[in-house]
Amino acid sequence: MSRHTVQITNGTETDEQGMIGYDPPLRTFFLQAFPDPETDECALWLGAFIEEYPTLESIIEAARAQGYEVRGMTQKMMLAVLKEVGPRRPPSIGEQLGIVR
C-alpha cells in the first residue's frame, strides 16, 4: 500500500498531512484528511471499498465533488502510485466465495 502526504483544502481549512495512495487488496485509490483529534476519524475518507476509485482521476474528482482540493502531488508521487496499480489482479478468495464485496 502506498501512502503519500499531500495538502488538502476544503475552502476554509487546510490539512497539510492529508494522505493519498493505492490499496492493492481493495484495488482502489484512497484519500484521507482532517482527522478528529479525539477519535482520529477523518472528515474526508474516500476509497474504503473494493474498486471504489479505480483511477487517480476518479478519486480527485470525487474529492472535488465534496468540496475538497488535493494539492502538492508531484509527478514523482503520481508515477509511484500509478506504478503500484500495475496489472489488474484477480478477485481474492473472499470475493470468489462471496464473503467480501
PDB file of N, CA and C in Angstrom:
ATOM      1  N   MET A   1       0.850  -1.170   0.000  1.00  0.00           N
ATOM      2  CA  MET A   1       0.000   0.000   0.000  1.00  0.00           C
ATOM      3  C   MET A   1       0.892   1.229   0.000  1.00  0.00           C
ATOM      4  N   SER A   2       0.602   2.136  -0.886  1.00  0.00           N
ATOM      5  CA  SER A   2       1.365   3.381  -0.919  1.00  0.00           C
ATOM      6  C   SER A   2       0.634   4.446  -0.113  1.00  0.00           C
ATOM      7  N   ARG A   3       1.403   5.339   0.468  1.00  0.00           N
ATOM      8  CA  ARG A   3       0.842   6.472   1.217  1.00  0.00           C
ATOM      9  C   ARG A   3       1.732   7.679   0.941  1.00  0.00           C
ATOM     10  N   HIS A   4       1.128   8.735   0.451  1.00  0.00           N
ATOM     11  CA  HIS A   4       1.864   9.949   0.150  1.00  0.00           C
ATOM     12  C   HIS A   4       1.177  11.134   0.822  1.00  0.00           C
ATOM     13  N   THR A   5       1.957  11.992   1.436  1.00  0.00           N
ATOM     14  CA  THR A   5       1.428  13.166   2.120  1.00  0.00           C
ATOM     15  C   THR A   5       1.151  14.268   1.108  1.00  0.00           C
ATOM     16  N   VAL A   6      -0.072  14.798   1.157  1.00  0.00           N
ATOM     17  CA  VAL A   6      -0.481  15.894   0.286  1.00  0.00           C
ATOM     18  C   VAL A   6      -1.239  16.936   1.104  1.00  0.00           C
ATOM     19  N   GLN A   7      -1.407  18.096   0.523  1.00  0.00           N
ATOM     20  CA  GLN A   7      -2.190  19.154   1.161  1.00  0.00           C
ATOM     21  C   GLN A   7      -3.621  19.055   0.629  1.00  0.00           C
ATOM     22  N   ILE A   8      -4.583  19.086   1.544  1.00  0.00           N
ATOM     23  CA  ILE A   8      -5.990  19.029   1.141  1.00  0.00           C
ATOM     24  C   ILE A   8      -6.712  20.209   1.770  1.00  0.00           C
ATOM     25  N   THR A   9      -7.440  20.931   0.940  1.00  0.00           N
ATOM     26  CA  THR A   9      -8.183  22.095   1.416  1.00  0.00           C
ATOM     27  C   THR A   9      -9.671  21.884   1.153  1.00  0.00           C
ATOM     28  N   ASN A  10     -10.478  22.552   1.972  1.00  0.00           N
ATOM     29  CA  ASN A  10     -11.930  22.493   1.751  1.00  0.00           C
ATOM     30  C   ASN A  10     -12.525  23.892   1.617  1.00  0.00           C
ATOM     31  N   GLY A  11     -11.704  24.856   1.282  1.00  0.00           N
ATOM     32  CA  GLY A  11     -12.169  26.228   1.120  1.00  0.00           C
ATOM     33  C   GLY A  11     -11.916  27.088   2.339  1.00  0.00           C
ATOM     34  N   THR A  12     -12.044  26.517   3.531  1.00  0.00           N
ATOM     35  CA  THR A  12     -11.821  27.291   4.760  1.00  0.00           C
ATOM     36  C   THR A  12     -10.687  26.724   5.602  1.00  0.00           C
ATOM     37  N   GLU A  13     -10.428  25.413   5.469  1.00  0.00           N
ATOM     38  CA  GLU A  13      -9.383  24.764   6.253  1.00  0.00           C
ATOM     39  C   GLU A  13      -8.411  24.039   5.337  1.00  0.00           C
ATOM     40  N   THR A  14      -7.222  23.808   5.852  1.00  0.00           N
ATOM     41  CA  THR A  14      -6.203  23.071   5.114  1.00  0.00           C
ATOM     42  C   THR A  14      -5.601  22.011   6.011  1.00  0.00           C
ATOM     43  N   ASP A  15      -5.469  20.799   5.479  1.00  0.00           N
ATOM     44  CA  ASP A  15      -4.788  19.723   6.177  1.00  0.00           C
ATOM     45  C   ASP A  15      -3.488  19.475   5.428  1.00  0.00           C
ATOM     46  N   GLU A  16      -2.373  19.832   6.049  1.00  0.00           N
ATOM     47  CA  GLU A  16      -1.053  19.673   5.433  1.00  0.00           C
ATOM     48  C   GLU A  16      -0.589  18.219   5.445  1.00  0.00           C
ATOM     49  N   GLN A  17      -1.290  17.369   6.204  1.00  0.00           N
ATOM     50  CA  GLN A  17      -0.882  15.973   6.356  1.00  0.00           C
ATOM     51  C   GLN A  17      -1.919  15.000   5.771  1.00  0.00           C
ATOM     52  N   GLY A  18      -2.608  15.429   4.719  1.00  0.00           N
ATOM     53  CA  GLY A  18      -3.554  14.528   4.063  1.00  0.00           C
ATOM     54  C   GLY A  18      -2.806  13.372   3.420  1.00  0.00           C
ATOM     55  N   MET A  19      -3.478  12.259   3.236  1.00  0.00           N
ATOM     56  CA  MET A  19      -2.854  11.070   2.664  1.00  0.00           C
ATOM     57  C   MET A  19      -3.599  10.625   1.412  1.00  0.00           C
ATOM     58  N   ILE A  20      -2.814  10.299   0.392  1.00  0.00           N
ATOM     59  CA  ILE A  20      -3.365   9.718  -0.823  1.00  0.00           C
ATOM     60  C   ILE A  20      -2.506   8.517  -1.164  1.00  0.00           C
ATOM     61  N   GLY A  21      -3.128   7.501  -1.739  1.00  0.00           N
ATOM     62  CA  GLY A  21      -2.364   6.316  -2.093  1.00  0.00           C
ATOM     63  C   GLY A  21      -3.229   5.284  -2.777  1.00  0.00           C
ATOM     64  N   TYR A  22      -2.675   4.085  -2.869  1.00  0.00           N
ATOM     65  CA  TYR A  22      -3.370   2.979  -3.524  1.00  0.00           C
ATOM     66  C   TYR A  22      -3.337   1.766  -2.619  1.00  0.00           C
ATOM     67  N   ASP A  23      -4.478   1.091  -2.490  1.00  0.00           N
ATOM     68  CA  ASP A  23      -4.602  -0.106  -1.664  1.00  0.00           C
ATOM     69  C   ASP A  23      -4.776  -1.315  -2.595  1.00  0.00           C
ATOM     70  N   PRO A  24      -3.706  -2.089  -2.820  1.00  0.00           N
ATOM     71  CA  PRO A  24      -3.796  -3.218  -3.758  1.00  0.00           C
ATOM     72  C   PRO A  24      -4.867  -4.264  -3.426  1.00  0.00           C
ATOM     73  N   PRO A  25      -5.032  -4.700  -2.164  1.00  0.00           N
ATOM     74  CA  PRO A  25      -6.081  -5.691  -1.923  1.00  0.00           C
ATOM     75  C   PRO A  25      -7.491  -5.187  -2.272  1.00  0.00           C
ATOM     76  N   LEU A  26      -7.746  -3.912  -2.050  1.00  0.00           N
ATOM     77  CA  LEU A  26      -9.062  -3.355  -2.393  1.00  0.00           C
ATOM     78  C   LEU A  26      -9.114  -2.865  -3.840  1.00  0.00           C
ATOM     79  N   ARG A  27      -7.953  -2.771  -4.484  1.00  0.00           N
ATOM     80  CA  ARG A  27      -7.857  -2.277  -5.862  1.00  0.00           C
ATOM     81  C   ARG A  27      -8.538  -0.913  -6.006  1.00  0.00           C
ATOM     82  N   THR A  28      -8.194  -0.018  -5.074  1.00  0.00           N
ATOM     83  CA  THR A  28      -8.771   1.320  -5.099  1.00  0.00           C
ATOM     84  C   THR A  28      -7.763   2.353  -4.608  1.00  0.00           C
ATOM     85  N   PHE A  29      -7.907   3.554  -5.103  1.00  0.00           N
ATOM     86  CA  PHE A  29      -7.163   4.684  -4.556  1.00  0.00           C
ATOM     87  C   PHE A  29      -7.893   5.133  -3.300  1.00  0.00           C
ATOM     88  N   PHE A  30      -7.169   5.730  -2.381  1.00  0.00           N
ATOM     89  CA  PHE A  30      -7.799   6.250  -1.166  1.00  0.00           C
ATOM     90  C   PHE A  30      -7.280   7.646  -0.875  1.00  0.00           C
ATOM     91  N   LEU A  31      -8.067   8.384  -0.118  1.00  0.00           N
ATOM     92  CA  LEU A  31      -7.732   9.759   0.259  1.00  0.00           C
ATOM     93  C   LEU A  31      -8.260   9.994   1.669  1.00  0.00           C
ATOM     94  N   GLN A  32      -7.389  10.483   2.563  1.00  0.00           N
ATOM     95  CA  GLN A  32      -7.781  10.733   3.951  1.00  0.00           C
ATOM     96  C   GLN A  32      -7.279  12.107   4.374  1.00  0.00           C
ATOM     97  N   ALA A  33      -8.121  12.832   5.114  1.00  0.00           N
ATOM     98  CA  ALA A  33      -7.721  14.158   5.603  1.00  0.00           C
ATOM     99  C   ALA A  33      -8.626  14.597   6.747  1.00  0.00           C
ATOM    100  N   PHE A  34      -8.165  15.583   7.463  1.00  0.00           N
ATOM    101  CA  PHE A  34      -8.886  16.221   8.559  1.00  0.00           C
ATOM    102  C   PHE A  34      -9.288  15.219   9.661  1.00  0.00           C
ATOM    103  N   PRO A  35      -8.294  14.562  10.289  1.00  0.00           N
ATOM    104  CA  PRO A  35      -8.627  13.640  11.381  1.00  0.00           C
ATOM    105  C   PRO A  35      -9.102  14.396  12.623  1.00  0.00           C
ATOM    106  N   ASP A  36     -10.077  13.839  13.298  1.00  0.00           N
ATOM    107  CA  ASP A  36     -10.565  14.405  14.561  1.00  0.00           C
ATOM    108  C   ASP A  36      -9.495  14.143  15.616  1.00  0.00           C
ATOM    109  N   PRO A  37      -9.081  15.169  16.372  1.00  0.00           N
ATOM    110  CA  PRO A  37      -8.017  14.985  17.361  1.00  0.00           C
ATOM    111  C   PRO A  37      -8.357  13.989  18.469  1.00  0.00           C
ATOM    112  N   GLU A  38      -9.632  13.815  18.768  1.00  0.00           N
ATOM    113  CA  GLU A  38     -10.016  12.903  19.848  1.00  0.00           C
ATOM    114  C   GLU A  38     -10.254  11.472  19.365  1.00  0.00           C
ATOM    115  N   THR A  39     -10.912  11.322  18.223  1.00  0.00           N
ATOM    116  CA  THR A  39     -11.279   9.984  17.757  1.00  0.00           C
ATOM    117  C   THR A  39     -10.380   9.475  16.633  1.00  0.00           C
ATOM    118  N   ASP A  40      -9.640  10.362  15.988  1.00  0.00           N
ATOM    119  CA  ASP A  40      -8.781  10.048  14.841  1.00  0.00           C
ATOM    120  C   ASP A  40      -9.592   9.678  13.590  1.00  0.00           C
ATOM    121  N   GLU A  41     -10.927   9.826  13.658  1.00  0.00           N
ATOM    122  CA  GLU A  41     -11.770   9.584  12.493  1.00  0.00           C
ATOM    123  C   GLU A  41     -11.615  10.752  11.527  1.00  0.00           C
ATOM    124  N   CYS A  42     -11.468  10.457  10.254  1.00  0.00           N
ATOM    125  CA  CYS A  42     -11.233  11.505   9.253  1.00  0.00           C
ATOM    126  C   CYS A  42     -12.539  12.082   8.712  1.00  0.00           C
ATOM    127  N   ALA A  43     -12.569  13.404   8.553  1.00  0.00           N
ATOM    128  CA  ALA A  43     -13.727  14.059   7.944  1.00  0.00           C
ATOM    129  C   ALA A  43     -13.809  13.686   6.462  1.00  0.00           C
ATOM    130  N   LEU A  44     -12.667  13.481   5.840  1.00  0.00           N
ATOM    131  CA  LEU A  44     -12.606  13.045   4.442  1.00  0.00           C
ATOM    132  C   LEU A  44     -11.929  11.688   4.413  1.00  0.00           C
ATOM    133  N   TRP A  45     -12.665  10.684   3.978  1.00  0.00           N
ATOM    134  CA  TRP A  45     -12.106   9.345   3.841  1.00  0.00           C
ATOM    135  C   TRP A  45     -12.779   8.697   2.645  1.00  0.00           C
ATOM    136  N   LEU A  46     -12.063   8.667   1.553  1.00  0.00           N
ATOM    137  CA  LEU A  46     -12.563   8.067   0.321  1.00  0.00           C
ATOM    138  C   LEU A  46     -11.714   6.846   0.001  1.00  0.00           C
ATOM    139  N   GLY A  47     -12.325   5.838  -0.600  1.00  0.00           N
ATOM    140  CA  GLY A  47     -11.582   4.658  -1.034  1.00  0.00           C
ATOM    141  C   GLY A  47     -11.510   3.563   0.003  1.00  0.00           C
ATOM    142  N   ALA A  48     -12.627   3.243   0.619  1.00  0.00           N
ATOM    143  CA  ALA A  48     -12.648   2.208   1.649  1.00  0.00           C
ATOM    144  C   ALA A  48     -13.282   0.895   1.160  1.00  0.00           C
ATOM    145  N   PHE A  49     -13.704   0.862  -0.102  1.00  0.00           N
ATOM    146  CA  PHE A  49     -14.397  -0.311  -0.622  1.00  0.00           C
ATOM    147  C   PHE A  49     -13.721  -0.831  -1.889  1.00  0.00           C
ATOM    148  N   ILE A  50     -13.937  -2.090  -2.202  1.00  0.00           N
ATOM    149  CA  ILE A  50     -13.320  -2.730  -3.358  1.00  0.00           C
ATOM    150  C   ILE A  50     -13.649  -1.962  -4.636  1.00  0.00           C
ATOM    151  N   GLU A  51     -12.595  -1.610  -5.368  1.00  0.00           N
ATOM    152  CA  GLU A  51     -12.675  -0.944  -6.678  1.00  0.00           C
ATOM    153  C   GLU A  51     -13.535   0.315  -6.665  1.00  0.00           C
ATOM    154  N   GLU A  52     -13.582   0.994  -5.525  1.00  0.00           N
ATOM    155  CA  GLU A  52     -14.396   2.208  -5.407  1.00  0.00           C
ATOM    156  C   GLU A  52     -13.869   3.334  -6.305  1.00  0.00           C
ATOM    157  N   TYR A  53     -12.550   3.532  -6.308  1.00  0.00           N
ATOM    158  CA  TYR A  53     -11.920   4.554  -7.144  1.00  0.00           C
ATOM    159  C   TYR A  53     -10.772   3.905  -7.900  1.00  0.00           C
ATOM    160  N   PRO A  54     -11.056   3.338  -9.075  1.00  0.00           N
ATOM    161  CA  PRO A  54     -10.028   2.587  -9.801  1.00  0.00           C
ATOM    162  C   PRO A  54      -8.954   3.446 -10.468  1.00  0.00           C
ATOM    163  N   THR A  55      -9.200   4.754 -10.578  1.00  0.00           N
ATOM    164  CA  THR A  55      -8.200   5.631 -11.193  1.00  0.00           C
ATOM    165  C   THR A  55      -7.896   6.808 -10.272  1.00  0.00           C
ATOM    166  N   LEU A  56      -6.716   7.354 -10.459  1.00  0.00           N
ATOM    167  CA  LEU A  56      -6.319   8.536  -9.690  1.00  0.00           C
ATOM    168  C   LEU A  56      -7.273   9.693  -9.999  1.00  0.00           C
ATOM    169  N   GLU A  57      -7.631   9.829 -11.247  1.00  0.00           N
ATOM    170  CA  GLU A  57      -8.551  10.890 -11.660  1.00  0.00           C
ATOM    171  C   GLU A  57      -9.914  10.760 -10.967  1.00  0.00           C
ATOM    172  N   SER A  58     -10.398   9.535 -10.818  1.00  0.00           N
ATOM    173  CA  SER A  58     -11.728   9.343 -10.217  1.00  0.00           C
ATOM    174  C   SER A  58     -11.764   9.769  -8.749  1.00  0.00           C
ATOM    175  N   ILE A  59     -10.685   9.547  -8.014  1.00  0.00           N
ATOM    176  CA  ILE A  59     -10.695   9.942  -6.605  1.00  0.00           C
ATOM    177  C   ILE A  59     -10.526  11.454  -6.453  1.00  0.00           C
ATOM    178  N   ILE A  60      -9.756  12.066  -7.331  1.00  0.00           N
ATOM    179  CA  ILE A  60      -9.606  13.529  -7.305  1.00  0.00           C
ATOM    180  C   ILE A  60     -10.946  14.186  -7.619  1.00  0.00           C
ATOM    181  N   GLU A  61     -11.655  13.653  -8.602  1.00  0.00           N
ATOM    182  CA  GLU A  61     -12.974  14.193  -8.961  1.00  0.00           C
ATOM    183  C   GLU A  61     -13.979  14.008  -7.826  1.00  0.00           C
ATOM    184  N   ALA A  62     -13.933  12.867  -7.153  1.00  0.00           N
ATOM    185  CA  ALA A  62     -14.848  12.614  -6.031  1.00  0.00           C
ATOM    186  C   ALA A  62     -14.574  13.598  -4.896  1.00  0.00           C
ATOM    187  N   ALA A  63     -13.312  13.871  -4.626  1.00  0.00           N
ATOM    188  CA  ALA A  63     -12.961  14.847  -3.584  1.00  0.00           C
ATOM    189  C   ALA A  63     -13.476  16.232  -3.963  1.00  0.00           C
ATOM    190  N   ARG A  64     -13.298  16.613  -5.215  1.00  0.00           N
ATOM    191  CA  ARG A  64     -13.782  17.923  -5.682  1.00  0.00           C
ATOM    192  C   ARG A  64     -15.298  18.025  -5.560  1.00  0.00           C
ATOM    193  N   ALA A  65     -15.983  16.945  -5.850  1.00  0.00           N
ATOM    194  CA  ALA A  65     -17.450  16.946  -5.756  1.00  0.00           C
ATOM    195  C   ALA A  65     -17.911  17.183  -4.320  1.00  0.00           C
ATOM    196  N   GLN A  66     -17.059  16.867  -3.349  1.00  0.00           N
ATOM    197  CA  GLN A  66     -17.383  17.091  -1.947  1.00  0.00           C
ATOM    198  C   GLN A  66     -16.778  18.390  -1.414  1.00  0.00           C
ATOM    199  N   GLY A  67     -16.176  19.185  -2.309  1.00  0.00           N
ATOM    200  CA  GLY A  67     -15.650  20.487  -1.905  1.00  0.00           C
ATOM    201  C   GLY A  67     -14.199  20.491  -1.464  1.00  0.00           C
ATOM    202  N   TYR A  68     -13.450  19.436  -1.763  1.00  0.00           N
ATOM    203  CA  TYR A  68     -12.043  19.345  -1.375  1.00  0.00           C
ATOM    204  C   TYR A  68     -11.140  19.461  -2.595  1.00  0.00           C
ATOM    205  N   GLU A  69      -9.970  20.026  -2.380  1.00  0.00           N
ATOM    206  CA  GLU A  69      -8.949  20.120  -3.419  1.00  0.00           C
ATOM    207  C   GLU A  69      -7.681  19.457  -2.916  1.00  0.00           C
ATOM    208  N   VAL A  70      -7.070  18.653  -3.766  1.00  0.00           N
ATOM    209  CA  VAL A  70      -5.811  17.976  -3.433  1.00  0.00           C
ATOM    210  C   VAL A  70      -4.689  18.776  -4.076  1.00  0.00           C
ATOM    211  N   ARG A  71      -3.703  19.140  -3.253  1.00  0.00           N
ATOM    212  CA  ARG A  71      -2.573  19.930  -3.751  1.00  0.00           C
ATOM    213  C   ARG A  71      -1.264  19.290  -3.305  1.00  0.00           C
ATOM    214  N   GLY A  72      -0.217  19.580  -4.047  1.00  0.00           N
ATOM    215  CA  GLY A  72       1.111  19.137  -3.645  1.00  0.00           C
ATOM    216  C   GLY A  72       1.493  17.761  -4.146  1.00  0.00           C
ATOM    217  N   MET A  73       0.706  17.191  -5.053  1.00  0.00           N
ATOM    218  CA  MET A  73       1.097  15.900  -5.624  1.00  0.00           C
ATOM    219  C   MET A  73       2.100  16.138  -6.728  1.00  0.00           C
ATOM    220  N   THR A  74       3.302  15.649  -6.524  1.00  0.00           N
ATOM    221  CA  THR A  74       4.347  15.817  -7.530  1.00  0.00           C
ATOM    222  C   THR A  74       4.222  14.740  -8.605  1.00  0.00           C
ATOM    223  N   GLN A  75       4.908  14.971  -9.701  1.00  0.00           N
ATOM    224  CA  GLN A  75       4.913  13.974 -10.771  1.00  0.00           C
ATOM    225  C   GLN A  75       5.518  12.662 -10.258  1.00  0.00           C
ATOM    226  N   LYS A  76       6.529  12.765  -9.429  1.00  0.00           N
ATOM    227  CA  LYS A  76       7.169  11.576  -8.862  1.00  0.00           C
ATOM    228  C   LYS A  76       6.174  10.776  -8.012  1.00  0.00           C
ATOM    229  N   MET A  77       5.357  11.471  -7.210  1.00  0.00           N
ATOM    230  CA  MET A  77       4.342  10.799  -6.397  1.00  0.00           C
ATOM    231  C   MET A  77       3.319  10.093  -7.282  1.00  0.00           C
ATOM    232  N   MET A  78       2.851  10.808  -8.298  1.00  0.00           N
ATOM    233  CA  MET A  78       1.848  10.232  -9.191  1.00  0.00           C
ATOM    234  C   MET A  78       2.374   8.974  -9.873  1.00  0.00           C
ATOM    235  N   LEU A  79       3.602   9.032 -10.353  1.00  0.00           N
ATOM    236  CA  LEU A  79       4.182   7.869 -11.019  1.00  0.00           C
ATOM    237  C   LEU A  79       4.351   6.697 -10.057  1.00  0.00           C
ATOM    238  N   ALA A  80       4.743   6.985  -8.816  1.00  0.00           N
ATOM    239  CA  ALA A  80       4.910   5.926  -7.815  1.00  0.00           C
ATOM    240  C   ALA A  80       3.574   5.241  -7.523  1.00  0.00           C
ATOM    241  N   VAL A  81       2.521   6.032  -7.375  1.00  0.00           N
ATOM    242  CA  VAL A  81       1.199   5.478  -7.087  1.00  0.00           C
ATOM    243  C   VAL A  81       0.694   4.684  -8.290  1.00  0.00           C
ATOM    244  N   LEU A  82       0.823   5.247  -9.471  1.00  0.00           N
ATOM    245  CA  LEU A  82       0.333   4.571 -10.668  1.00  0.00           C
ATOM    246  C   LEU A  82       1.110   3.284 -10.945  1.00  0.00           C
ATOM    247  N   LYS A  83       2.390   3.280 -10.613  1.00  0.00           N
ATOM    248  CA  LYS A  83       3.205   2.076 -10.798  1.00  0.00           C
ATOM    249  C   LYS A  83       2.700   0.948  -9.894  1.00  0.00           C
ATOM    250  N   GLU A  84       2.254   1.293  -8.707  1.00  0.00           N
ATOM    251  CA  GLU A  84       1.759   0.289  -7.772  1.00  0.00           C
ATOM    252  C   GLU A  84       0.469  -0.361  -8.268  1.00  0.00           C
ATOM    253  N   VAL A  85      -0.318   0.386  -9.023  1.00  0.00           N
ATOM    254  CA  VAL A  85      -1.569  -0.158  -9.550  1.00  0.00           C
ATOM    255  C   VAL A  85      -1.258  -1.369 -10.420  1.00  0.00           C
ATOM    256  N   GLY A  86      -0.299  -1.223 -11.326  1.00  0.00           N
ATOM    257  CA  GLY A  86       0.156  -2.332 -12.149  1.00  0.00           C
ATOM    258  C   GLY A  86      -0.957  -3.044 -12.889  1.00  0.00           C
ATOM    259  N   PRO A  87      -0.716  -4.303 -13.237  1.00  0.00           N
ATOM    260  CA  PRO A  87      -1.748  -5.062 -13.959  1.00  0.00           C
ATOM    261  C   PRO A  87      -2.914  -5.421 -13.046  1.00  0.00           C
ATOM    262  N   ARG A  88      -4.035  -5.646 -13.652  1.00  0.00           N
ATOM    263  CA  ARG A  88      -5.257  -5.998 -12.921  1.00  0.00           C
ATOM    264  C   ARG A  88      -5.041  -7.301 -12.147  1.00  0.00           C
ATOM    265  N   ARG A  89      -5.469  -7.313 -10.898  1.00  0.00           N
ATOM    266  CA  ARG A  89      -5.329  -8.503 -10.047  1.00  0.00           C
ATOM    267  C   ARG A  89      -6.629  -9.293 -10.041  1.00  0.00           C
ATOM    268  N   PRO A  90      -6.524 -10.613  -9.929  1.00  0.00           N
ATOM    269  CA  PRO A  90      -7.748 -11.424  -9.874  1.00  0.00           C
ATOM    270  C   PRO A  90      -8.469 -11.231  -8.538  1.00  0.00           C
ATOM    271  N   PRO A  91      -9.760 -11.557  -8.482  1.00  0.00           N
ATOM    272  CA  PRO A  91     -10.500 -11.440  -7.222  1.00  0.00           C
ATOM    273  C   PRO A  91      -9.883 -12.319  -6.135  1.00  0.00           C
ATOM    274  N   SER A  92      -9.951 -11.838  -4.910  1.00  0.00           N
ATOM    275  CA  SER A  92      -9.427 -12.603  -3.771  1.00  0.00           C
ATOM    276  C   SER A  92     -10.322 -13.809  -3.498  1.00  0.00           C
ATOM    277  N   ILE A  93      -9.849 -14.718  -2.662  1.00  0.00           N
ATOM    278  CA  ILE A  93     -10.649 -15.892  -2.298  1.00  0.00           C
ATOM    279  C   ILE A  93     -11.947 -15.454  -1.624  1.00  0.00           C
ATOM    280  N   GLY A  94     -11.856 -14.438  -0.748  1.00  0.00           N
ATOM    281  CA  GLY A  94     -13.058 -13.928  -0.093  1.00  0.00           C
ATOM    282  C   GLY A  94     -14.073 -13.409  -1.089  1.00  0.00           C
ATOM    283  N   GLU A  95     -13.598 -12.729  -2.128  1.00  0.00           N
ATOM    284  CA  GLU A  95     -14.510 -12.242  -3.167  1.00  0.00           C
ATOM    285  C   GLU A  95     -15.104 -13.412  -3.951  1.00  0.00           C
ATOM    286  N   GLN A  96     -14.268 -14.392  -4.273  1.00  0.00           N
ATOM    287  CA  GLN A  96     -14.734 -15.554  -5.024  1.00  0.00           C
ATOM    288  C   GLN A  96     -15.810 -16.325  -4.262  1.00  0.00           C
ATOM    289  N   LEU A  97     -15.679 -16.369  -2.933  1.00  0.00           N
ATOM    290  CA  LEU A  97     -16.640 -17.080  -2.112  1.00  0.00           C
ATOM    291  C   LEU A  97     -17.863 -16.223  -1.752  1.00  0.00           C
ATOM    292  N   GLY A  98     -17.833 -14.952  -2.110  1.00  0.00           N
ATOM    293  CA  GLY A  98     -18.948 -14.058  -1.822  1.00  0.00           C
ATOM    294  C   GLY A  98     -18.931 -13.499  -0.409  1.00  0.00           C
ATOM    295  N   ILE A  99     -17.819 -13.670   0.296  1.00  0.00           N
ATOM    296  CA  ILE A  99     -17.702 -13.168   1.660  1.00  0.00           C
ATOM    297  C   ILE A  99     -17.409 -11.667   1.661  1.00  0.00           C
ATOM    298  N   VAL A 100     -16.602 -11.231   0.690  1.00  0.00           N
ATOM    299  CA  VAL A 100     -16.188  -9.842   0.552  1.00  0.00           C
ATOM    300  C   VAL A 100     -16.797  -9.277  -0.715  1.00  0.00           C
ATOM    301  N   ARG A 101     -17.349  -8.072  -0.593  1.00  0.00           N
ATOM    302  CA  ARG A 101     -17.924  -7.421  -1.782  1.00  0.00           C
ATOM    303  C   ARG A 101     -17.340  -6.065  -1.983  1.00  0.00           C
TER     304      ARG A 101
END
